């Protein structure tokens, strides 16, 4: 890559590269970042043209990283993590609590008294648009897939903050037959 081309490198292309690499397909990568599959394919081709070599081999079985693609992966993930950290700092500096809060929790949480607390919060803060999603999927808070995620866990990992809300126990019941 020539120096002038290196300076015109579009960091946003790494987002498209990562999406394709993580999902193993152009269509899956596009869906994961809410983009059109032709846009992702085009941006990936532009990135490969700029650096002068392929990063991903395309086949009917899906996508596979080339050796350079493998090497680039950790750097691209670092850039992605840093950009997400920047976004969290910016969002964390909101001056007014008048925005949308995306809350995700398992379906069965909606059947507990916790949902009354959510209703009380919504009534106390009508300026906040509360969007609730009920799913057992674990969302990535660093990528801002949700602002708050309620989950059952023995431990908390990564950069999330965990609080014990209630004691829980599980039991299996069956007949002697």
N, C-alpha and C. Protein backbone atom coordinates (compact mmCIF):
# COMPACT_ATOMS: atom_id res chain seq x y z
N UNK A 1 0.85 -1.17 0.00
CA UNK A 1 0.00 0.00 0.00
C UNK A 1 0.90 1.23 0.00
N UNK A 2 0.62 2.17 -0.88
CA UNK A 2 1.38 3.41 -0.95
C UNK A 2 1.02 4.29 0.24
N UNK A 3 1.94 5.22 0.59
CA UNK A 3 1.74 6.10 1.73
C UNK A 3 0.46 6.92 1.58
N UNK A 4 0.23 7.48 0.39
CA UNK A 4 -0.97 8.29 0.17
C UNK A 4 -2.22 7.45 0.36
N UNK A 5 -2.18 6.18 -0.10
CA UNK A 5 -3.34 5.30 0.08
C UNK A 5 -3.53 4.95 1.54
N UNK A 6 -2.43 4.78 2.28
CA UNK A 6 -2.53 4.47 3.70
C UNK A 6 -3.20 5.61 4.46
N UNK A 7 -2.90 6.84 4.06
CA UNK A 7 -3.51 7.99 4.72
C UNK A 7 -4.97 8.15 4.35
N UNK A 8 -5.41 7.56 3.24
CA UNK A 8 -6.81 7.66 2.85
C UNK A 8 -7.59 6.42 3.30
N UNK A 9 -6.94 5.59 4.12
CA UNK A 9 -7.58 4.37 4.64
C UNK A 9 -8.84 4.74 5.39
N UNK A 10 -9.93 4.08 5.07
CA UNK A 10 -11.22 4.35 5.72
C UNK A 10 -11.41 3.34 6.85
N UNK A 11 -11.28 3.82 8.08
CA UNK A 11 -11.39 2.93 9.24
C UNK A 11 -12.75 2.27 9.30
N UNK A 12 -13.76 2.88 8.73
CA UNK A 12 -15.09 2.30 8.74
C UNK A 12 -15.13 0.99 7.97
N UNK A 13 -14.20 0.80 7.02
CA UNK A 13 -14.15 -0.45 6.27
C UNK A 13 -13.85 -1.63 7.19
N UNK A 14 -13.14 -1.38 8.29
CA UNK A 14 -12.84 -2.46 9.24
C UNK A 14 -14.11 -3.02 9.85
N UNK A 15 -15.12 -2.17 10.03
CA UNK A 15 -16.40 -2.63 10.57
C UNK A 15 -17.02 -3.66 9.63
N UNK A 16 -16.94 -3.42 8.34
CA UNK A 16 -17.49 -4.35 7.36
C UNK A 16 -16.67 -5.63 7.32
N UNK A 17 -15.36 -5.48 7.38
CA UNK A 17 -14.46 -6.65 7.41
C UNK A 17 -14.78 -7.52 8.63
N UNK A 18 -14.89 -6.91 9.80
CA UNK A 18 -15.18 -7.66 11.03
C UNK A 18 -16.53 -8.37 10.96
N UNK A 19 -17.53 -7.68 10.44
CA UNK A 19 -18.86 -8.28 10.36
C UNK A 19 -18.84 -9.52 9.48
N UNK A 20 -18.18 -9.44 8.35
CA UNK A 20 -18.08 -10.59 7.45
C UNK A 20 -17.26 -11.71 8.10
N UNK A 21 -16.17 -11.35 8.74
CA UNK A 21 -15.30 -12.36 9.36
C UNK A 21 -16.00 -13.06 10.52
N UNK A 22 -16.72 -12.31 11.33
CA UNK A 22 -17.40 -12.90 12.49
C UNK A 22 -18.53 -13.84 12.10
N UNK A 23 -19.27 -13.50 11.07
CA UNK A 23 -20.43 -14.31 10.71
C UNK A 23 -20.12 -15.37 9.66
N UNK A 24 -19.06 -15.19 8.90
CA UNK A 24 -18.70 -16.18 7.89
C UNK A 24 -19.48 -16.05 6.59
N UNK A 25 -20.24 -14.95 6.47
CA UNK A 25 -20.96 -14.73 5.22
C UNK A 25 -21.20 -13.24 5.00
N UNK A 26 -21.35 -12.87 3.75
CA UNK A 26 -21.63 -11.47 3.40
C UNK A 26 -23.01 -11.08 3.92
N UNK A 27 -23.99 -11.92 3.65
CA UNK A 27 -25.36 -11.60 4.07
C UNK A 27 -25.46 -11.55 5.60
N UNK A 28 -24.89 -12.52 6.28
CA UNK A 28 -24.92 -12.54 7.74
C UNK A 28 -24.20 -11.35 8.34
N UNK A 29 -23.06 -11.00 7.75
CA UNK A 29 -22.31 -9.83 8.21
C UNK A 29 -23.10 -8.56 8.03
N UNK A 30 -23.75 -8.44 6.90
CA UNK A 30 -24.56 -7.24 6.63
C UNK A 30 -25.71 -7.13 7.62
N UNK A 31 -26.37 -8.23 7.89
CA UNK A 31 -27.48 -8.21 8.85
C UNK A 31 -26.99 -7.85 10.25
N UNK A 32 -25.79 -8.30 10.61
CA UNK A 32 -25.28 -8.05 11.96
C UNK A 32 -24.99 -6.58 12.21
N UNK A 33 -24.76 -5.81 11.16
CA UNK A 33 -24.49 -4.38 11.33
C UNK A 33 -25.56 -3.51 10.66
N UNK A 34 -26.69 -4.13 10.34
CA UNK A 34 -27.81 -3.41 9.72
C UNK A 34 -27.41 -2.69 8.44
N UNK A 35 -26.72 -3.42 7.58
CA UNK A 35 -26.30 -2.87 6.29
C UNK A 35 -26.84 -3.77 5.18
N UNK A 36 -26.78 -3.28 3.97
CA UNK A 36 -27.17 -4.05 2.81
C UNK A 36 -26.01 -4.97 2.44
N UNK A 37 -26.30 -6.20 2.00
CA UNK A 37 -25.22 -7.13 1.68
C UNK A 37 -24.36 -6.64 0.51
N UNK A 38 -24.96 -5.91 -0.43
CA UNK A 38 -24.15 -5.39 -1.53
C UNK A 38 -23.21 -4.29 -1.03
N UNK A 39 -23.65 -3.52 -0.06
CA UNK A 39 -22.78 -2.49 0.53
C UNK A 39 -21.59 -3.14 1.23
N UNK A 40 -21.86 -4.18 2.02
CA UNK A 40 -20.77 -4.86 2.71
C UNK A 40 -19.79 -5.45 1.71
N UNK A 41 -20.29 -6.11 0.70
CA UNK A 41 -19.42 -6.71 -0.32
C UNK A 41 -18.58 -5.64 -1.02
N UNK A 42 -19.22 -4.53 -1.37
CA UNK A 42 -18.50 -3.44 -2.05
C UNK A 42 -17.43 -2.85 -1.16
N UNK A 43 -17.75 -2.60 0.12
CA UNK A 43 -16.78 -2.01 1.04
C UNK A 43 -15.61 -2.95 1.30
N UNK A 44 -15.90 -4.24 1.35
CA UNK A 44 -14.84 -5.23 1.53
C UNK A 44 -13.92 -5.25 0.31
N UNK A 45 -14.50 -5.19 -0.87
CA UNK A 45 -13.70 -5.15 -2.11
C UNK A 45 -12.85 -3.89 -2.16
N UNK A 46 -13.41 -2.76 -1.77
CA UNK A 46 -12.64 -1.50 -1.75
C UNK A 46 -11.47 -1.62 -0.78
N UNK A 47 -11.70 -2.18 0.40
CA UNK A 47 -10.62 -2.36 1.37
C UNK A 47 -9.53 -3.25 0.79
N UNK A 48 -9.90 -4.36 0.19
CA UNK A 48 -8.92 -5.27 -0.39
C UNK A 48 -8.17 -4.61 -1.55
N UNK A 49 -8.86 -3.80 -2.35
CA UNK A 49 -8.20 -3.08 -3.45
C UNK A 49 -7.19 -2.07 -2.92
N UNK A 50 -7.56 -1.38 -1.83
CA UNK A 50 -6.66 -0.39 -1.25
C UNK A 50 -5.37 -1.01 -0.72
N UNK A 51 -5.49 -2.18 -0.11
CA UNK A 51 -4.29 -2.80 0.46
C UNK A 51 -3.60 -3.71 -0.54
N UNK A 52 -4.26 -3.99 -1.65
CA UNK A 52 -3.62 -4.73 -2.74
C UNK A 52 -3.62 -6.24 -2.58
N UNK A 53 -4.43 -6.77 -1.70
CA UNK A 53 -4.51 -8.22 -1.54
C UNK A 53 -5.84 -8.59 -0.90
N UNK A 54 -6.19 -9.87 -1.01
CA UNK A 54 -7.45 -10.35 -0.45
C UNK A 54 -7.31 -10.59 1.05
N UNK A 55 -8.36 -10.30 1.77
CA UNK A 55 -8.43 -10.57 3.20
C UNK A 55 -9.33 -11.76 3.48
N UNK A 56 -10.28 -11.97 2.60
CA UNK A 56 -11.27 -13.03 2.77
C UNK A 56 -11.44 -13.78 1.46
N UNK A 57 -11.37 -15.09 1.53
CA UNK A 57 -11.67 -15.93 0.37
C UNK A 57 -13.15 -16.26 0.40
N UNK A 58 -13.80 -16.05 -0.73
CA UNK A 58 -15.23 -16.30 -0.84
C UNK A 58 -15.45 -17.61 -1.58
N UNK A 59 -16.37 -18.43 -1.06
CA UNK A 59 -16.72 -19.67 -1.74
C UNK A 59 -18.19 -19.97 -1.48
N UNK A 60 -18.69 -21.01 -2.11
CA UNK A 60 -20.08 -21.39 -1.89
C UNK A 60 -20.30 -21.90 -0.46
N UNK A 61 -19.24 -22.28 0.22
CA UNK A 61 -19.35 -22.76 1.60
C UNK A 61 -19.32 -21.61 2.60
N UNK A 62 -19.01 -20.42 2.15
CA UNK A 62 -18.93 -19.26 3.04
C UNK A 62 -17.62 -18.52 2.86
N UNK A 63 -17.26 -17.79 3.88
CA UNK A 63 -16.05 -16.98 3.84
C UNK A 63 -14.97 -17.59 4.71
N UNK A 64 -13.73 -17.43 4.28
CA UNK A 64 -12.59 -17.88 5.08
C UNK A 64 -11.52 -16.79 5.03
N UNK A 65 -10.95 -16.48 6.17
CA UNK A 65 -9.92 -15.46 6.23
C UNK A 65 -8.63 -15.95 5.58
N UNK A 66 -7.99 -15.07 4.84
CA UNK A 66 -6.66 -15.37 4.33
C UNK A 66 -5.67 -15.18 5.48
N UNK A 67 -4.40 -15.44 5.21
CA UNK A 67 -3.39 -15.27 6.26
C UNK A 67 -3.34 -13.81 6.72
N UNK A 68 -3.38 -12.88 5.77
CA UNK A 68 -3.38 -11.46 6.14
C UNK A 68 -4.67 -11.10 6.87
N UNK A 69 -5.78 -11.68 6.46
CA UNK A 69 -7.05 -11.45 7.15
C UNK A 69 -6.97 -11.89 8.60
N UNK A 70 -6.34 -13.04 8.83
CA UNK A 70 -6.15 -13.53 10.21
C UNK A 70 -5.30 -12.54 11.01
N UNK A 71 -4.23 -12.03 10.40
CA UNK A 71 -3.35 -11.09 11.09
C UNK A 71 -4.07 -9.77 11.37
N UNK A 72 -4.87 -9.32 10.45
CA UNK A 72 -5.59 -8.06 10.60
C UNK A 72 -6.71 -8.15 11.64
N UNK A 73 -7.22 -9.35 11.86
CA UNK A 73 -8.36 -9.55 12.73
C UNK A 73 -8.18 -8.94 14.12
N UNK A 74 -7.08 -9.21 14.79
CA UNK A 74 -6.89 -8.70 16.16
C UNK A 74 -6.80 -7.17 16.16
N UNK A 75 -6.17 -6.60 15.16
CA UNK A 75 -6.09 -5.14 15.08
C UNK A 75 -7.47 -4.53 14.84
N UNK A 76 -8.22 -5.16 13.95
CA UNK A 76 -9.57 -4.66 13.66
C UNK A 76 -10.46 -4.78 14.90
N UNK A 77 -10.32 -5.86 15.66
CA UNK A 77 -11.11 -6.01 16.88
C UNK A 77 -10.73 -4.95 17.91
N UNK A 78 -9.44 -4.62 17.99
CA UNK A 78 -9.00 -3.57 18.90
C UNK A 78 -9.59 -2.22 18.52
N UNK A 79 -9.59 -1.91 17.22
CA UNK A 79 -10.19 -0.65 16.75
C UNK A 79 -11.67 -0.63 17.08
N UNK A 80 -12.35 -1.75 16.86
CA UNK A 80 -13.78 -1.86 17.15
C UNK A 80 -14.04 -1.62 18.64
N UNK A 81 -13.24 -2.23 19.50
CA UNK A 81 -13.42 -2.05 20.95
C UNK A 81 -13.17 -0.60 21.35
N UNK A 82 -12.17 0.03 20.77
CA UNK A 82 -11.88 1.43 21.09
C UNK A 82 -13.00 2.35 20.61
N UNK A 83 -13.54 2.09 19.42
CA UNK A 83 -14.64 2.91 18.91
C UNK A 83 -15.88 2.74 19.78
N UNK A 84 -16.12 1.52 20.25
CA UNK A 84 -17.26 1.30 21.15
C UNK A 84 -17.03 2.02 22.48
N UNK A 85 -15.78 2.06 22.95
CA UNK A 85 -15.47 2.78 24.19
C UNK A 85 -15.71 4.28 24.01
N UNK A 86 -15.32 4.81 22.86
CA UNK A 86 -15.56 6.23 22.57
C UNK A 86 -17.06 6.51 22.57
N UNK A 87 -17.83 5.64 21.94
CA UNK A 87 -19.29 5.82 21.88
C UNK A 87 -19.89 5.79 23.29
N UNK A 88 -19.39 4.89 24.15
CA UNK A 88 -19.91 4.83 25.52
C UNK A 88 -19.60 6.10 26.29
N UNK A 89 -18.41 6.67 26.08
CA UNK A 89 -18.05 7.92 26.76
C UNK A 89 -18.97 9.04 26.29
N UNK A 90 -19.19 9.13 25.00
CA UNK A 90 -20.04 10.18 24.45
C UNK A 90 -21.47 10.03 24.96
N UNK A 91 -22.01 8.83 24.88
CA UNK A 91 -23.38 8.60 25.34
C UNK A 91 -23.48 8.85 26.83
N UNK A 92 -22.44 8.51 27.58
CA UNK A 92 -22.45 8.71 29.02
C UNK A 92 -22.45 10.16 29.43
N UNK A 93 -22.19 11.07 28.50
CA UNK A 93 -22.15 12.51 28.80
C UNK A 93 -23.45 13.21 28.44
N UNK A 94 -24.50 12.43 28.17
CA UNK A 94 -25.80 13.05 27.89
C UNK A 94 -26.16 13.98 29.05
N UNK A 95 -26.58 15.20 28.73
CA UNK A 95 -26.90 16.16 29.78
C UNK A 95 -28.28 15.95 30.37
N UNK A 96 -29.18 15.40 29.63
CA UNK A 96 -30.55 15.17 30.10
C UNK A 96 -30.90 13.70 29.94
N UNK A 97 -31.62 13.16 30.90
CA UNK A 97 -32.03 11.76 30.78
C UNK A 97 -33.27 11.62 29.89
N UNK A 98 -33.23 12.23 28.73
CA UNK A 98 -34.37 12.18 27.81
C UNK A 98 -33.92 11.47 26.55
N UNK A 99 -33.92 10.17 26.61
CA UNK A 99 -33.52 9.39 25.45
C UNK A 99 -34.17 8.03 25.54
N UNK A 100 -33.85 7.21 24.60
CA UNK A 100 -34.35 5.85 24.59
C UNK A 100 -33.41 4.95 25.39
N UNK A 101 -33.98 4.12 26.22
CA UNK A 101 -33.21 3.11 26.94
C UNK A 101 -33.69 1.75 26.45
N UNK A 102 -32.76 0.96 25.96
CA UNK A 102 -33.07 -0.37 25.47
C UNK A 102 -32.77 -1.38 26.58
N UNK A 103 -33.81 -2.05 27.04
CA UNK A 103 -33.72 -3.01 28.13
C UNK A 103 -34.04 -4.39 27.59
N UNK A 104 -33.20 -5.36 27.85
CA UNK A 104 -33.46 -6.72 27.41
C UNK A 104 -33.42 -7.66 28.61
N UNK A 105 -34.29 -8.67 28.55
CA UNK A 105 -34.39 -9.63 29.65
C UNK A 105 -35.03 -10.91 29.13
N UNK A 106 -34.86 -12.01 29.86
CA UNK A 106 -35.53 -13.25 29.45
C UNK A 106 -37.05 -13.09 29.53
N UNK A 107 -37.76 -13.89 28.74
CA UNK A 107 -39.22 -13.83 28.70
C UNK A 107 -39.84 -13.97 30.09
N UNK A 108 -39.33 -14.89 30.87
CA UNK A 108 -39.95 -15.20 32.15
C UNK A 108 -39.83 -14.06 33.16
N UNK A 109 -38.89 -13.10 32.94
CA UNK A 109 -38.81 -11.94 33.83
C UNK A 109 -40.10 -11.12 33.77
N UNK A 110 -40.75 -11.15 32.62
CA UNK A 110 -41.98 -10.37 32.45
C UNK A 110 -43.11 -10.93 33.32
N UNK A 111 -42.95 -12.14 33.79
CA UNK A 111 -43.97 -12.77 34.62
C UNK A 111 -43.68 -12.61 36.12
N UNK A 112 -42.68 -11.83 36.46
CA UNK A 112 -42.32 -11.64 37.86
C UNK A 112 -42.72 -10.24 38.32
N UNK A 113 -42.57 -10.00 39.60
CA UNK A 113 -42.91 -8.67 40.14
C UNK A 113 -41.92 -7.61 39.69
N UNK A 114 -40.80 -8.03 39.11
CA UNK A 114 -39.84 -7.06 38.61
C UNK A 114 -40.46 -6.15 37.56
N UNK A 115 -41.38 -6.67 36.78
CA UNK A 115 -42.00 -5.88 35.72
C UNK A 115 -42.78 -4.71 36.31
N UNK A 116 -43.26 -4.85 37.56
CA UNK A 116 -43.93 -3.73 38.23
C UNK A 116 -42.94 -2.59 38.48
N UNK A 117 -41.71 -2.95 38.82
CA UNK A 117 -40.67 -1.94 39.02
C UNK A 117 -40.37 -1.20 37.72
N UNK A 118 -40.37 -1.92 36.62
CA UNK A 118 -40.14 -1.30 35.31
C UNK A 118 -41.28 -0.34 34.99
N UNK A 119 -42.51 -0.73 35.28
CA UNK A 119 -43.67 0.13 35.05
C UNK A 119 -43.58 1.39 35.92
N UNK A 120 -43.17 1.23 37.18
CA UNK A 120 -43.01 2.39 38.08
C UNK A 120 -41.94 3.34 37.53
N UNK A 121 -40.83 2.78 37.05
CA UNK A 121 -39.77 3.61 36.47
C UNK A 121 -40.29 4.39 35.27
N UNK A 122 -41.03 3.72 34.41
CA UNK A 122 -41.58 4.38 33.21
C UNK A 122 -42.53 5.51 33.60
N UNK A 123 -43.33 5.30 34.65
CA UNK A 123 -44.26 6.33 35.10
C UNK A 123 -43.52 7.52 35.73
N UNK A 124 -42.43 7.24 36.43
CA UNK A 124 -41.65 8.31 37.08
C UNK A 124 -40.83 9.12 36.08
N UNK A 125 -40.52 8.52 34.93
CA UNK A 125 -39.66 9.18 33.93
C UNK A 125 -40.33 9.13 32.55
N UNK A 126 -41.40 9.88 32.35
CA UNK A 126 -42.09 9.83 31.05
C UNK A 126 -41.25 10.38 29.90
N UNK A 127 -40.20 11.12 30.21
CA UNK A 127 -39.33 11.67 29.16
C UNK A 127 -38.40 10.61 28.57
N UNK A 128 -38.31 9.46 29.22
CA UNK A 128 -37.46 8.37 28.75
C UNK A 128 -38.32 7.36 28.01
N UNK A 129 -37.92 7.07 26.79
CA UNK A 129 -38.61 6.09 25.96
C UNK A 129 -37.98 4.73 26.25
N UNK A 130 -38.70 3.87 26.95
CA UNK A 130 -38.19 2.58 27.37
C UNK A 130 -38.61 1.51 26.37
N UNK A 131 -37.62 0.92 25.69
CA UNK A 131 -37.87 -0.17 24.75
C UNK A 131 -37.44 -1.46 25.42
N UNK A 132 -38.37 -2.40 25.54
CA UNK A 132 -38.05 -3.67 26.17
C UNK A 132 -38.03 -4.78 25.13
N UNK A 133 -37.04 -5.65 25.27
CA UNK A 133 -36.89 -6.79 24.39
C UNK A 133 -36.81 -8.03 25.27
N UNK A 134 -37.60 -9.04 24.94
CA UNK A 134 -37.63 -10.27 25.72
C UNK A 134 -37.00 -11.39 24.90
N UNK A 135 -35.85 -11.85 25.37
CA UNK A 135 -35.11 -12.88 24.66
C UNK A 135 -34.12 -13.53 25.61
N UNK A 136 -33.79 -14.77 25.33
CA UNK A 136 -32.76 -15.45 26.11
C UNK A 136 -31.38 -15.20 25.54
N UNK A 137 -31.31 -14.51 24.41
CA UNK A 137 -30.01 -14.20 23.79
C UNK A 137 -29.22 -13.25 24.68
N UNK A 138 -27.93 -13.50 24.78
CA UNK A 138 -27.04 -12.61 25.51
C UNK A 138 -26.59 -11.54 24.54
N UNK A 139 -26.87 -10.29 24.87
CA UNK A 139 -26.52 -9.19 23.97
C UNK A 139 -25.16 -8.62 24.37
N UNK A 140 -24.54 -7.92 23.43
CA UNK A 140 -23.24 -7.32 23.66
C UNK A 140 -23.46 -5.86 24.06
N UNK A 141 -23.26 -5.56 25.32
CA UNK A 141 -23.46 -4.20 25.81
C UNK A 141 -22.39 -3.26 25.25
N UNK A 142 -21.19 -3.76 25.04
CA UNK A 142 -20.12 -2.92 24.51
C UNK A 142 -20.45 -2.42 23.11
N UNK A 143 -21.19 -3.20 22.36
CA UNK A 143 -21.59 -2.80 21.00
C UNK A 143 -22.92 -2.05 21.02
N UNK A 144 -23.41 -1.75 22.21
CA UNK A 144 -24.65 -1.00 22.41
C UNK A 144 -25.85 -1.71 21.81
N UNK A 145 -25.84 -3.06 21.86
CA UNK A 145 -27.01 -3.82 21.43
C UNK A 145 -28.15 -3.65 22.43
N UNK A 146 -27.83 -3.21 23.63
CA UNK A 146 -28.81 -2.85 24.66
C UNK A 146 -28.10 -1.94 25.65
N UNK A 147 -28.89 -1.15 26.37
CA UNK A 147 -28.31 -0.31 27.42
C UNK A 147 -28.26 -1.07 28.74
N UNK A 148 -29.29 -1.86 28.98
CA UNK A 148 -29.39 -2.64 30.21
C UNK A 148 -29.83 -4.04 29.82
N UNK A 149 -29.16 -5.04 30.37
CA UNK A 149 -29.51 -6.42 30.10
C UNK A 149 -29.63 -7.16 31.43
N UNK A 150 -30.79 -7.71 31.67
CA UNK A 150 -31.00 -8.49 32.88
C UNK A 150 -30.83 -9.96 32.54
N UNK A 151 -29.95 -10.63 33.26
CA UNK A 151 -29.65 -12.03 33.00
C UNK A 151 -29.44 -12.77 34.30
N UNK A 152 -29.57 -14.06 34.25
CA UNK A 152 -29.25 -14.92 35.38
C UNK A 152 -27.84 -15.45 35.13
N UNK A 153 -26.95 -15.22 36.10
CA UNK A 153 -25.57 -15.66 35.92
C UNK A 153 -24.91 -15.89 37.27
N UNK A 154 -23.95 -16.79 37.29
CA UNK A 154 -23.17 -17.02 38.50
C UNK A 154 -22.06 -15.99 38.65
N UNK A 155 -21.57 -15.48 37.50
CA UNK A 155 -20.51 -14.49 37.53
C UNK A 155 -20.67 -13.51 36.37
N UNK A 156 -20.01 -12.37 36.50
CA UNK A 156 -20.08 -11.34 35.47
C UNK A 156 -18.73 -11.28 34.78
N UNK A 157 -18.74 -11.22 33.46
CA UNK A 157 -17.49 -11.19 32.70
C UNK A 157 -17.41 -9.91 31.89
N UNK A 158 -16.28 -9.71 31.26
CA UNK A 158 -16.01 -8.58 30.38
C UNK A 158 -16.13 -7.25 31.12
N UNK A 159 -16.67 -6.27 30.45
CA UNK A 159 -16.70 -4.91 31.02
C UNK A 159 -18.08 -4.53 31.51
N UNK A 160 -18.90 -5.50 31.87
CA UNK A 160 -20.24 -5.19 32.38
C UNK A 160 -20.22 -5.12 33.90
N UNK A 161 -21.21 -4.46 34.42
CA UNK A 161 -21.36 -4.35 35.87
C UNK A 161 -22.52 -5.24 36.27
N UNK A 162 -22.29 -6.10 37.24
CA UNK A 162 -23.33 -7.01 37.67
C UNK A 162 -23.77 -6.72 39.09
N UNK A 163 -25.03 -6.83 39.33
CA UNK A 163 -25.60 -6.65 40.66
C UNK A 163 -26.54 -7.81 40.95
N UNK A 164 -26.47 -8.34 42.14
CA UNK A 164 -27.40 -9.39 42.52
C UNK A 164 -28.72 -8.72 42.88
N UNK A 165 -29.76 -9.06 42.16
CA UNK A 165 -31.07 -8.47 42.40
C UNK A 165 -31.90 -9.32 43.35
N UNK A 166 -31.91 -10.60 43.12
CA UNK A 166 -32.72 -11.50 43.94
C UNK A 166 -32.00 -12.84 44.06
N UNK A 167 -32.24 -13.56 45.17
CA UNK A 167 -31.70 -14.92 45.25
C UNK A 167 -32.53 -15.83 44.36
N UNK A 168 -31.89 -16.79 43.73
CA UNK A 168 -32.61 -17.69 42.84
C UNK A 168 -32.19 -19.12 43.12
N UNK A 169 -33.12 -20.01 42.91
CA UNK A 169 -32.80 -21.43 42.99
C UNK A 169 -33.60 -22.14 41.91
N UNK A 170 -33.09 -23.26 41.50
CA UNK A 170 -33.74 -24.05 40.46
C UNK A 170 -34.02 -25.44 41.00
N UNK A 171 -35.08 -26.04 40.54
CA UNK A 171 -35.40 -27.39 40.95
C UNK A 171 -36.13 -28.10 39.81
N UNK A 172 -35.94 -29.41 39.75
CA UNK A 172 -36.64 -30.21 38.74
C UNK A 172 -37.66 -31.07 39.47
N UNK A 173 -38.86 -31.14 38.96
CA UNK A 173 -39.93 -31.90 39.57
C UNK A 173 -40.43 -32.92 38.57
N UNK A 174 -40.70 -34.12 39.05
CA UNK A 174 -41.28 -35.14 38.19
C UNK A 174 -41.98 -36.18 39.05
N UNK A 175 -42.80 -36.96 38.42
CA UNK A 175 -43.49 -38.02 39.15
C UNK A 175 -42.55 -39.21 39.33
N UNK A 176 -42.86 -40.09 40.24
CA UNK A 176 -42.04 -41.27 40.46
C UNK A 176 -42.03 -42.19 39.26
N UNK A 177 -43.09 -42.09 38.44
CA UNK A 177 -43.17 -42.93 37.23
C UNK A 177 -42.20 -42.44 36.20
